[in-house]
């Protein structure tokens, strides 16, 4: 069911630009490489570029073994009921809400929510040659410590991850836990941000880890600069539900096609 909700966001600590490294993270526009840089853009249309070696698609787990992602769309992806957001396909799990949020400083992000815990996910373009997660972890850790928080790396089910504590905003006091997950894929980087009890309690985190493992990234073949967000599109069912909600609220018809990324009601799917 799609319904209208008040927008609730969890943002990363803000740090003055002159106090952080030049590469703050995937959502820092200044960190993106310029389009003219060979490292920045995929070499589409560049006749002098050496062809990239095709990566072997991963296969789902063997009999008796759990299938564990996240997955590239070219992999042998295990069948699950997923919501298609274009560049991201998100598993649907009973008792969890799937929300599409718009954050001014981070762009569109998808959040999976249950109770006080949430998992926010975003997919970014990455270079063919190198992954982004190692550098991004260091950049986030630097920003957190300079903002008065604490950060430490840990080994998790998806490899290295970052556990941080940041100063909470009212009415929350003290340092609040946030857990950063990351996965480097073929020409993409997937970031997950876990908050609430799931950020530090293994039992609360387990179902969110399974959802993260079931994500599918659809990179596409078009050139995109590294660290640029991959395009998120609104599912047709959600779009229709949003239009019906606005019509029921007394809004008049749209003169132009609805832009789902204009600030407005949040789209939530509840299963």
Protein backbone atom coordinates (compact mmCIF):
# COMPACT_ATOMS: atom_id res chain seq x y z
CA UNK A 1 0.00 0.00 0.00
CA UNK A 2 1.29 3.45 -0.85
CA UNK A 3 0.47 6.23 1.54
CA UNK A 4 1.47 9.76 2.44
CA UNK A 5 3.97 10.28 5.22
CA UNK A 6 5.74 13.18 6.80
CA UNK A 7 9.31 13.30 5.64
CA UNK A 8 11.89 12.04 8.11
CA UNK A 9 15.55 12.06 7.20
CA UNK A 10 18.79 10.96 8.78
CA UNK A 11 21.61 13.12 7.56
CA UNK A 12 25.30 12.74 8.00
CA UNK A 13 27.14 15.26 10.18
CA UNK A 14 27.68 18.60 8.50
CA UNK A 15 31.27 19.77 8.49
CA UNK A 16 32.47 23.15 7.20
CA UNK A 17 33.90 22.77 3.72
CA UNK A 18 37.24 24.27 4.70
CA UNK A 19 37.72 21.66 7.43
CA UNK A 20 37.30 18.49 5.43
CA UNK A 21 39.29 16.80 2.74
CA UNK A 22 38.70 17.78 -0.83
CA UNK A 23 36.98 14.42 -1.46
CA UNK A 24 34.22 14.35 1.15
CA UNK A 25 32.24 11.50 -0.30
CA UNK A 26 29.79 10.41 -2.95
CA UNK A 27 27.47 13.32 -2.25
CA UNK A 28 30.16 16.03 -2.53
CA UNK A 29 29.94 17.51 -6.00
CA UNK A 30 33.43 18.94 -5.78
CA UNK A 31 34.79 15.43 -5.38
CA UNK A 32 33.58 14.29 -8.79
CA UNK A 33 36.24 14.00 -11.45
CA UNK A 34 35.87 16.28 -14.42
CA UNK A 35 34.31 14.73 -17.52
CA UNK A 36 37.50 15.21 -19.52
CA UNK A 37 39.53 13.00 -17.19
CA UNK A 38 40.15 9.44 -18.42
CA UNK A 39 39.58 8.15 -14.91
CA UNK A 40 36.28 10.00 -14.65
CA UNK A 41 34.17 8.93 -17.59
CA UNK A 42 33.70 5.53 -19.10
CA UNK A 43 35.58 5.47 -22.38
CA UNK A 44 32.43 5.20 -24.47
CA UNK A 45 33.19 6.31 -27.98
CA UNK A 46 36.96 6.58 -27.32
CA UNK A 47 38.59 4.63 -30.13
CA UNK A 48 42.02 4.71 -28.47
CA UNK A 49 40.84 3.21 -25.19
CA UNK A 50 41.63 -0.45 -24.57
CA UNK A 51 38.49 -2.55 -24.28
CA UNK A 52 37.67 -3.47 -20.70
CA UNK A 53 37.71 -7.14 -19.81
CA UNK A 54 34.22 -8.46 -19.25
CA UNK A 55 33.62 -9.49 -15.67
CA UNK A 56 32.42 -12.98 -14.89
CA UNK A 57 28.79 -12.86 -13.70
CA UNK A 58 28.38 -14.19 -10.19
CA UNK A 59 26.20 -17.19 -9.59
CA UNK A 60 23.61 -17.60 -6.87
CA UNK A 61 24.55 -19.83 -3.93
CA UNK A 62 24.87 -23.54 -4.52
CA UNK A 63 22.27 -25.93 -3.17
CA UNK A 64 22.01 -25.54 0.58
CA UNK A 65 23.97 -22.27 0.59
CA UNK A 66 22.34 -18.84 1.03
CA UNK A 67 22.44 -16.48 -1.95
CA UNK A 68 24.32 -13.38 -0.80
CA UNK A 69 24.67 -10.14 -2.75
CA UNK A 70 24.37 -7.28 -3.39
CA UNK A 71 24.09 -8.21 -7.04
CA UNK A 72 24.80 -6.73 -10.42
CA UNK A 73 21.92 -7.15 -12.85
CA UNK A 74 24.21 -9.33 -15.02
CA UNK A 75 24.72 -11.83 -12.17
CA UNK A 76 22.72 -14.99 -11.65
CA UNK A 77 20.37 -13.07 -9.36
CA UNK A 78 18.13 -15.13 -7.08
CA UNK A 79 14.43 -14.52 -7.62
CA UNK A 80 12.84 -12.22 -5.04
CA UNK A 81 9.91 -9.82 -5.00
CA UNK A 82 11.63 -6.45 -5.57
CA UNK A 83 10.53 -2.86 -6.19
CA UNK A 84 12.17 -1.49 -9.34
CA UNK A 85 13.62 2.02 -8.93
CA UNK A 86 15.57 1.94 -12.19
CA UNK A 87 19.18 1.72 -11.04
CA UNK A 88 18.22 -0.14 -7.84
CA UNK A 89 15.90 -3.08 -7.27
CA UNK A 90 14.93 -3.35 -3.60
CA UNK A 91 13.63 -6.55 -1.94
CA UNK A 92 10.13 -6.39 -0.45
CA UNK A 93 9.91 -7.87 3.05
CA UNK A 94 6.83 -8.16 5.27
CA UNK A 95 6.79 -5.56 8.04
CA UNK A 96 9.24 -3.19 6.32
CA UNK A 97 8.43 0.09 4.57
CA UNK A 98 10.24 1.18 1.40
CA UNK A 99 10.49 4.96 1.14
CA UNK A 100 11.82 7.28 -1.54
CA UNK A 101 13.26 10.37 0.14
CA UNK A 102 14.73 13.53 -1.34
CA UNK A 103 17.59 15.09 0.63
CA UNK A 104 18.89 18.49 -0.48
CA UNK A 105 22.50 17.59 0.29
CA UNK A 106 22.40 13.94 -0.80
CA UNK A 107 19.93 13.67 -3.68
CA UNK A 108 17.30 10.95 -3.92
CA UNK A 109 17.79 7.99 -1.63
CA UNK A 110 15.81 4.85 -0.90
CA UNK A 111 15.16 3.96 2.73
CA UNK A 112 13.92 0.66 4.15
CA UNK A 113 12.34 1.25 7.55
CA UNK A 114 11.05 -0.84 10.41
CA UNK A 115 10.32 0.75 13.77
CA UNK A 116 13.15 3.05 14.83
CA UNK A 117 15.69 1.40 12.50
CA UNK A 118 16.37 2.23 8.87
CA UNK A 119 18.67 1.34 6.00
CA UNK A 120 19.30 4.07 3.42
CA UNK A 121 20.83 2.96 0.11
CA UNK A 122 22.30 4.85 -2.84
CA UNK A 123 24.13 3.60 -5.94
CA UNK A 124 26.91 5.61 -7.60
CA UNK A 125 28.93 5.30 -10.79
CA UNK A 126 32.52 4.14 -10.32
CA UNK A 127 35.64 3.89 -12.51
CA UNK A 128 36.32 0.68 -14.41
CA UNK A 129 39.75 0.31 -12.85
CA UNK A 130 39.31 0.94 -9.12
CA UNK A 131 36.61 0.73 -6.48
CA UNK A 132 35.53 3.66 -4.32
CA UNK A 133 34.71 2.11 -0.95
CA UNK A 134 38.22 2.25 0.56
CA UNK A 135 38.57 5.97 -0.17
CA UNK A 136 35.00 6.76 0.84
CA UNK A 137 35.46 5.07 4.24
CA UNK A 138 38.49 7.23 4.95
CA UNK A 139 36.68 10.38 3.86
CA UNK A 140 33.63 9.68 6.03
CA UNK A 141 35.85 8.85 9.02
CA UNK A 142 37.74 12.12 8.62
CA UNK A 143 34.52 14.14 8.38
CA UNK A 144 33.04 12.42 11.44
CA UNK A 145 36.07 12.94 13.68
CA UNK A 146 36.42 16.57 12.64
CA UNK A 147 32.75 17.06 13.51
CA UNK A 148 33.37 15.77 17.05
CA UNK A 149 32.33 12.16 16.53
CA UNK A 150 34.13 8.83 16.55
CA UNK A 151 34.76 6.37 13.73
CA UNK A 152 36.27 2.90 13.53
CA UNK A 153 36.48 0.27 10.84
CA UNK A 154 35.14 -3.23 11.38
CA UNK A 155 34.78 -6.42 9.37
CA UNK A 156 31.19 -7.21 8.48
CA UNK A 157 29.24 -9.65 6.33
CA UNK A 158 30.01 -7.55 3.21
CA UNK A 159 33.66 -6.90 4.02
CA UNK A 160 35.09 -3.74 5.61
CA UNK A 161 32.52 -1.32 7.01
CA UNK A 162 32.58 1.82 9.13
CA UNK A 163 30.97 2.24 12.54
CA UNK A 164 30.62 5.86 13.65
CA UNK A 165 29.06 7.85 16.45
CA UNK A 166 27.97 11.40 15.70
CA UNK A 167 26.56 14.16 17.91
CA UNK A 168 22.78 13.80 18.01
CA UNK A 169 20.31 16.58 17.32
CA UNK A 170 17.52 17.50 19.75
CA UNK A 171 15.73 15.72 21.32
CA UNK A 172 18.46 13.08 21.01
CA UNK A 173 21.48 13.68 23.19
CA UNK A 174 24.99 12.27 23.14
CA UNK A 175 26.64 10.39 20.30
CA UNK A 176 24.29 8.45 18.02
CA UNK A 177 25.43 5.28 16.20
CA UNK A 178 25.53 5.01 12.40
CA UNK A 179 26.81 2.01 10.47
CA UNK A 180 28.11 2.46 6.92
CA UNK A 181 28.11 -0.50 4.52
CA UNK A 182 29.75 -0.45 1.11
CA UNK A 183 30.11 -2.67 -1.93
CA UNK A 184 32.19 -2.13 -5.08
CA UNK A 185 30.65 -3.63 -8.21
CA UNK A 186 31.38 -3.49 -11.94
CA UNK A 187 31.49 0.28 -12.61
CA UNK A 188 29.24 0.99 -9.60
CA UNK A 189 29.52 1.60 -5.87
CA UNK A 190 26.67 0.85 -3.46
CA UNK A 191 26.48 2.56 -0.08
CA UNK A 192 24.20 1.61 2.81
CA UNK A 193 23.64 3.70 5.93
CA UNK A 194 22.08 1.89 8.89
CA UNK A 195 20.65 3.90 11.78
CA UNK A 196 18.69 3.30 14.95
CA UNK A 197 18.97 0.08 16.98
CA UNK A 198 20.04 -1.78 13.81
CA UNK A 199 23.25 0.28 13.75
CA UNK A 200 24.60 -1.49 16.85
CA UNK A 201 22.36 -4.45 17.74
CA UNK A 202 23.08 -7.63 15.71
CA UNK A 203 19.56 -9.00 16.10
CA UNK A 204 18.00 -5.77 14.82
CA UNK A 205 20.58 -5.50 12.02
CA UNK A 206 20.18 -9.03 10.64
CA UNK A 207 17.01 -8.46 8.55
CA UNK A 208 18.43 -5.22 7.15
CA UNK A 209 21.63 -7.06 6.19
CA UNK A 210 19.51 -9.59 4.30
CA UNK A 211 17.75 -6.76 2.46
CA UNK A 212 21.10 -5.16 1.57
CA UNK A 213 22.32 -8.55 0.34
CA UNK A 214 19.25 -8.84 -1.90
CA UNK A 215 19.73 -5.48 -3.65
CA UNK A 216 20.31 -5.47 -7.40
CA UNK A 217 22.23 -2.63 -9.09
CA UNK A 218 21.44 -1.76 -12.72
CA UNK A 219 24.41 0.36 -13.86
CA UNK A 220 23.51 0.74 -17.54
CA UNK A 221 26.00 1.16 -20.37
CA UNK A 222 25.87 4.96 -20.69
CA UNK A 223 28.86 7.01 -19.45
CA UNK A 224 28.46 8.54 -15.99
CA UNK A 225 31.21 10.33 -14.04
CA UNK A 226 32.46 8.42 -10.99
CA UNK A 227 30.71 9.35 -7.72
CA UNK A 228 27.67 10.56 -9.63
CA UNK A 229 24.39 9.08 -8.38
CA UNK A 230 22.84 6.53 -10.68
CA UNK A 231 19.38 7.61 -11.80
CA UNK A 232 16.42 6.70 -9.59
CA UNK A 233 13.01 6.41 -11.23
CA UNK A 234 9.64 6.19 -9.54
CA UNK A 235 7.78 2.90 -10.03
CA UNK A 236 4.62 3.31 -12.07
CA UNK A 237 2.44 1.99 -9.24
CA UNK A 238 3.91 4.56 -6.85
CA UNK A 239 3.48 7.35 -9.38
CA UNK A 240 -0.21 6.56 -9.85
CA UNK A 241 -0.73 6.29 -6.10
CA UNK A 242 0.93 9.68 -5.59
CA UNK A 243 -1.32 11.30 -8.17
CA UNK A 244 -4.39 9.73 -6.55
CA UNK A 245 -3.30 10.97 -3.12
CA UNK A 246 -2.89 14.51 -4.40
CA UNK A 247 -6.21 14.38 -6.23
CA UNK A 248 -7.95 13.10 -3.10
CA UNK A 249 -6.41 15.97 -1.13
CA UNK A 250 -8.05 18.46 -3.45
CA UNK A 251 -5.10 19.20 -5.74
CA UNK A 252 -6.04 19.99 -9.34
CA UNK A 253 -4.75 18.08 -12.33
CA UNK A 254 -1.17 18.44 -13.41
CA UNK A 255 -0.37 20.82 -16.24
CA UNK A 256 3.01 19.05 -16.62
CA UNK A 257 4.13 15.49 -15.95
CA UNK A 258 4.66 14.90 -12.25
CA UNK A 259 8.27 15.25 -11.15
CA UNK A 260 8.79 12.74 -8.32
CA UNK A 261 11.95 14.55 -7.19
CA UNK A 262 10.23 17.82 -6.37
CA UNK A 263 9.80 18.20 -2.64
CA UNK A 264 6.38 16.91 -1.71
CA UNK A 265 4.76 13.85 -0.16
CA UNK A 266 7.04 10.95 0.55
CA UNK A 267 6.34 7.68 -1.27
CA UNK A 268 6.11 4.69 1.02
CA UNK A 269 5.34 1.07 0.26
CA UNK A 270 4.20 -1.06 3.20
CA UNK A 271 4.13 -4.83 2.98
